[in-house]
Amino acid sequence: MNSTWKLVVRSFKTHPPAQARARIEQAILEEGGVPLKLREARRRLFILTTRATSGKPVIIEGEDGLACLIALDDLVEIVMDPPPTLAEVMRRGR
């Protein structure tokens, strides 16, 4: 199952770094929702891990910034799979 956020991240792999970084960050933050405080994330770790392994990133706010929890399979898919074709992007945009 390809989630929209993963498609967005993959589609920006070939763009200039400055443009790609902002768009990728935006897509992950939108999918992850409101960042959880670290204390809340610790309390709900099992639920958050289950959510991440089902394909939805989790955003956790720590002292030094935001952290993103995603499944290892999602990370490998994003890094290893080629960028989507225009047809694939258009089909998923409906």
N, C-alpha and C. Protein backbone atom coordinates (compact mmCIF):
# COMPACT_ATOMS: atom_id res chain seq x y z
N MET A 1 0.84 -1.18 0.00
CA MET A 1 0.00 0.00 0.00
C MET A 1 0.89 1.25 0.00
N ASN A 2 0.72 2.08 -0.98
CA ASN A 2 1.46 3.34 -1.03
C ASN A 2 0.60 4.46 -0.49
N SER A 3 1.01 5.05 0.60
CA SER A 3 0.30 6.20 1.14
C SER A 3 0.68 7.44 0.35
N THR A 4 -0.17 8.43 0.38
CA THR A 4 0.07 9.67 -0.35
C THR A 4 1.37 10.33 0.10
N TRP A 5 1.63 10.33 1.40
CA TRP A 5 2.85 11.00 1.88
C TRP A 5 4.10 10.34 1.32
N LYS A 6 4.08 9.02 1.17
CA LYS A 6 5.25 8.34 0.61
C LYS A 6 5.42 8.68 -0.87
N LEU A 7 4.33 8.81 -1.58
CA LEU A 7 4.38 9.19 -2.99
C LEU A 7 4.97 10.59 -3.14
N VAL A 8 4.55 11.51 -2.28
CA VAL A 8 5.09 12.88 -2.32
C VAL A 8 6.59 12.86 -2.06
N VAL A 9 7.00 12.12 -1.04
CA VAL A 9 8.43 12.06 -0.70
C VAL A 9 9.22 11.48 -1.86
N ARG A 10 8.74 10.40 -2.43
CA ARG A 10 9.43 9.78 -3.56
C ARG A 10 9.49 10.70 -4.77
N SER A 11 8.42 11.47 -5.01
CA SER A 11 8.38 12.30 -6.20
C SER A 11 9.37 13.45 -6.16
N PHE A 12 9.82 13.85 -4.97
CA PHE A 12 10.75 14.96 -4.86
C PHE A 12 12.21 14.51 -4.78
N LYS A 13 12.48 13.22 -4.95
CA LYS A 13 13.86 12.74 -4.89
C LYS A 13 14.74 13.35 -5.97
N THR A 14 14.15 13.73 -7.09
CA THR A 14 14.95 14.26 -8.21
C THR A 14 14.95 15.78 -8.28
N HIS A 15 14.28 16.45 -7.36
CA HIS A 15 14.22 17.92 -7.36
C HIS A 15 15.43 18.51 -6.64
N PRO A 16 15.67 19.80 -6.84
CA PRO A 16 16.76 20.47 -6.11
C PRO A 16 16.55 20.32 -4.61
N PRO A 17 17.61 20.11 -3.86
CA PRO A 17 17.49 19.85 -2.41
C PRO A 17 16.69 20.88 -1.63
N ALA A 18 16.85 22.16 -1.91
CA ALA A 18 16.14 23.18 -1.14
C ALA A 18 14.63 23.06 -1.32
N GLN A 19 14.19 22.85 -2.55
CA GLN A 19 12.76 22.72 -2.83
C GLN A 19 12.23 21.39 -2.28
N ALA A 20 12.97 20.34 -2.50
CA ALA A 20 12.53 19.01 -2.07
C ALA A 20 12.41 18.93 -0.55
N ARG A 21 13.36 19.46 0.16
CA ARG A 21 13.37 19.37 1.62
C ARG A 21 12.09 19.96 2.23
N ALA A 22 11.73 21.16 1.80
CA ALA A 22 10.54 21.81 2.36
C ALA A 22 9.27 21.03 2.04
N ARG A 23 9.14 20.54 0.83
CA ARG A 23 7.93 19.81 0.43
C ARG A 23 7.84 18.45 1.13
N ILE A 24 8.97 17.78 1.26
CA ILE A 24 8.98 16.49 1.96
C ILE A 24 8.62 16.68 3.43
N GLU A 25 9.22 17.68 4.06
CA GLU A 25 8.92 17.96 5.46
C GLU A 25 7.44 18.27 5.64
N GLN A 26 6.89 19.08 4.75
CA GLN A 26 5.48 19.44 4.83
C GLN A 26 4.58 18.20 4.70
N ALA A 27 4.87 17.32 3.76
CA ALA A 27 4.05 16.13 3.55
C ALA A 27 4.07 15.22 4.78
N ILE A 28 5.24 15.03 5.37
CA ILE A 28 5.35 14.16 6.54
C ILE A 28 4.66 14.79 7.74
N LEU A 29 4.84 16.09 7.94
CA LEU A 29 4.19 16.76 9.07
C LEU A 29 2.67 16.75 8.93
N GLU A 30 2.17 16.93 7.71
CA GLU A 30 0.72 16.89 7.50
C GLU A 30 0.16 15.50 7.81
N GLU A 31 0.86 14.48 7.38
CA GLU A 31 0.40 13.11 7.63
C GLU A 31 0.56 12.72 9.09
N GLY A 32 1.62 13.17 9.72
CA GLY A 32 1.89 12.81 11.11
C GLY A 32 0.98 13.50 12.12
N GLY A 33 0.45 14.63 11.75
CA GLY A 33 -0.45 15.35 12.66
C GLY A 33 0.31 16.18 13.69
N VAL A 34 -0.42 16.57 14.71
CA VAL A 34 0.13 17.42 15.76
C VAL A 34 1.26 16.70 16.49
N PRO A 35 2.43 17.34 16.60
CA PRO A 35 3.54 16.68 17.31
C PRO A 35 3.18 16.40 18.77
N LEU A 36 3.55 15.23 19.22
CA LEU A 36 3.32 14.85 20.62
C LEU A 36 4.51 15.28 21.46
N LYS A 37 4.26 15.71 22.65
CA LYS A 37 5.34 15.99 23.60
C LYS A 37 6.00 14.66 23.95
N LEU A 38 7.26 14.71 24.26
CA LEU A 38 8.03 13.50 24.53
C LEU A 38 7.40 12.65 25.63
N ARG A 39 6.93 13.27 26.67
CA ARG A 39 6.31 12.53 27.78
C ARG A 39 5.08 11.75 27.30
N GLU A 40 4.27 12.39 26.48
CA GLU A 40 3.07 11.73 25.93
C GLU A 40 3.47 10.59 25.00
N ALA A 41 4.50 10.80 24.20
CA ALA A 41 4.96 9.76 23.28
C ALA A 41 5.46 8.54 24.04
N ARG A 42 6.18 8.75 25.13
CA ARG A 42 6.66 7.63 25.95
C ARG A 42 5.49 6.81 26.49
N ARG A 43 4.47 7.52 26.94
CA ARG A 43 3.30 6.87 27.53
C ARG A 43 2.56 6.02 26.50
N ARG A 44 2.58 6.46 25.25
CA ARG A 44 1.81 5.79 24.20
C ARG A 44 2.70 5.07 23.19
N LEU A 45 3.88 4.66 23.57
CA LEU A 45 4.85 4.10 22.63
C LEU A 45 4.32 2.92 21.82
N PHE A 46 3.64 1.98 22.46
CA PHE A 46 3.13 0.82 21.73
C PHE A 46 2.14 1.24 20.65
N ILE A 47 1.23 2.13 20.99
CA ILE A 47 0.22 2.59 20.02
C ILE A 47 0.89 3.35 18.88
N LEU A 48 1.86 4.19 19.21
CA LEU A 48 2.56 4.96 18.19
C LEU A 48 3.36 4.05 17.26
N THR A 49 3.98 3.04 17.82
CA THR A 49 4.75 2.09 17.01
C THR A 49 3.83 1.33 16.07
N THR A 50 2.69 0.92 16.56
CA THR A 50 1.71 0.22 15.72
C THR A 50 1.24 1.13 14.59
N ARG A 51 1.00 2.38 14.91
CA ARG A 51 0.56 3.35 13.90
C ARG A 51 1.64 3.53 12.84
N ALA A 52 2.88 3.67 13.25
CA ALA A 52 3.97 3.87 12.30
C ALA A 52 4.16 2.64 11.41
N THR A 53 4.06 1.45 11.98
CA THR A 53 4.25 0.25 11.17
C THR A 53 3.09 0.01 10.22
N SER A 54 1.97 0.68 10.43
CA SER A 54 0.85 0.55 9.50
C SER A 54 0.92 1.59 8.39
N GLY A 55 1.98 2.42 8.38
CA GLY A 55 2.19 3.34 7.27
C GLY A 55 1.90 4.79 7.54
N LYS A 56 1.61 5.16 8.78
CA LYS A 56 1.33 6.56 9.10
C LYS A 56 2.43 7.08 10.04
N PRO A 57 3.20 8.09 9.59
CA PRO A 57 4.29 8.59 10.43
C PRO A 57 3.77 9.25 11.70
N VAL A 58 4.61 9.26 12.72
CA VAL A 58 4.30 9.88 14.00
C VAL A 58 5.34 10.97 14.25
N ILE A 59 4.88 12.15 14.65
CA ILE A 59 5.77 13.26 14.92
C ILE A 59 5.87 13.46 16.44
N ILE A 60 7.10 13.51 16.96
CA ILE A 60 7.33 13.67 18.39
C ILE A 60 8.19 14.92 18.58
N GLU A 61 7.75 15.77 19.50
CA GLU A 61 8.48 17.01 19.77
C GLU A 61 9.39 16.80 20.97
N GLY A 62 10.69 16.90 20.73
CA GLY A 62 11.66 16.79 21.81
C GLY A 62 12.26 18.14 22.14
N GLU A 63 13.22 18.15 23.03
CA GLU A 63 13.86 19.41 23.43
C GLU A 63 14.58 20.10 22.28
N ASP A 64 15.15 19.33 21.37
CA ASP A 64 15.96 19.90 20.29
C ASP A 64 15.24 19.96 18.95
N GLY A 65 13.95 19.68 18.92
CA GLY A 65 13.21 19.75 17.66
C GLY A 65 12.27 18.57 17.49
N LEU A 66 11.84 18.37 16.26
CA LEU A 66 10.88 17.32 15.95
C LEU A 66 11.59 16.05 15.49
N ALA A 67 11.02 14.92 15.87
CA ALA A 67 11.50 13.61 15.42
C ALA A 67 10.34 12.92 14.72
N CYS A 68 10.66 12.11 13.74
CA CYS A 68 9.64 11.40 12.97
C CYS A 68 9.85 9.90 13.13
N LEU A 69 8.80 9.21 13.52
CA LEU A 69 8.84 7.76 13.66
C LEU A 69 8.10 7.16 12.47
N ILE A 70 8.84 6.43 11.61
CA ILE A 70 8.22 5.75 10.48
C ILE A 70 8.71 4.30 10.48
N ALA A 71 7.96 3.47 9.79
CA ALA A 71 8.33 2.06 9.69
C ALA A 71 9.58 1.89 8.83
N LEU A 72 10.40 0.92 9.17
CA LEU A 72 11.60 0.64 8.40
C LEU A 72 11.25 0.31 6.95
N ASP A 73 10.18 -0.45 6.73
CA ASP A 73 9.74 -0.79 5.37
C ASP A 73 9.42 0.47 4.56
N ASP A 74 8.78 1.46 5.19
CA ASP A 74 8.46 2.71 4.50
C ASP A 74 9.74 3.45 4.12
N LEU A 75 10.69 3.51 5.03
CA LEU A 75 11.95 4.19 4.75
C LEU A 75 12.68 3.52 3.59
N VAL A 76 12.77 2.21 3.61
CA VAL A 76 13.45 1.48 2.54
C VAL A 76 12.73 1.70 1.21
N GLU A 77 11.40 1.67 1.24
CA GLU A 77 10.62 1.89 0.02
C GLU A 77 10.90 3.28 -0.57
N ILE A 78 10.92 4.29 0.28
CA ILE A 78 11.15 5.66 -0.18
C ILE A 78 12.55 5.80 -0.76
N VAL A 79 13.54 5.24 -0.10
CA VAL A 79 14.92 5.40 -0.53
C VAL A 79 15.22 4.57 -1.77
N MET A 80 14.72 3.35 -1.84
CA MET A 80 15.11 2.44 -2.90
C MET A 80 14.24 2.49 -4.15
N ASP A 81 12.96 2.77 -4.01
CA ASP A 81 12.09 2.76 -5.18
C ASP A 81 12.35 3.98 -6.05
N PRO A 82 12.22 3.82 -7.36
CA PRO A 82 12.41 4.97 -8.24
C PRO A 82 11.27 5.97 -8.06
N PRO A 83 11.50 7.23 -8.43
CA PRO A 83 10.43 8.22 -8.33
C PRO A 83 9.21 7.77 -9.14
N PRO A 84 8.00 8.18 -8.74
CA PRO A 84 6.82 7.76 -9.48
C PRO A 84 6.75 8.45 -10.85
N THR A 85 6.05 7.81 -11.75
CA THR A 85 5.82 8.42 -13.06
C THR A 85 4.73 9.48 -12.92
N LEU A 86 4.62 10.35 -13.90
CA LEU A 86 3.58 11.37 -13.88
C LEU A 86 2.20 10.72 -13.86
N ALA A 87 2.03 9.64 -14.59
CA ALA A 87 0.74 8.94 -14.61
C ALA A 87 0.37 8.44 -13.22
N GLU A 88 1.35 7.91 -12.48
CA GLU A 88 1.09 7.42 -11.13
C GLU A 88 0.69 8.57 -10.19
N VAL A 89 1.37 9.68 -10.30
CA VAL A 89 1.05 10.85 -9.48
C VAL A 89 -0.37 11.34 -9.79
N MET A 90 -0.70 11.44 -11.07
CA MET A 90 -2.03 11.90 -11.47
C MET A 90 -3.11 10.94 -11.01
N ARG A 91 -2.86 9.65 -11.12
CA ARG A 91 -3.85 8.64 -10.72
C ARG A 91 -4.13 8.72 -9.22
N ARG A 92 -3.11 8.93 -8.42
CA ARG A 92 -3.29 9.01 -6.97
C ARG A 92 -3.85 10.35 -6.52
N GLY A 93 -3.75 11.37 -7.37
CA GLY A 93 -4.25 12.69 -7.03
C GLY A 93 -5.75 12.83 -7.10
N ARG A 94 -6.42 11.83 -7.61
CA ARG A 94 -7.88 11.88 -7.76
C ARG A 94 -8.59 11.66 -6.48
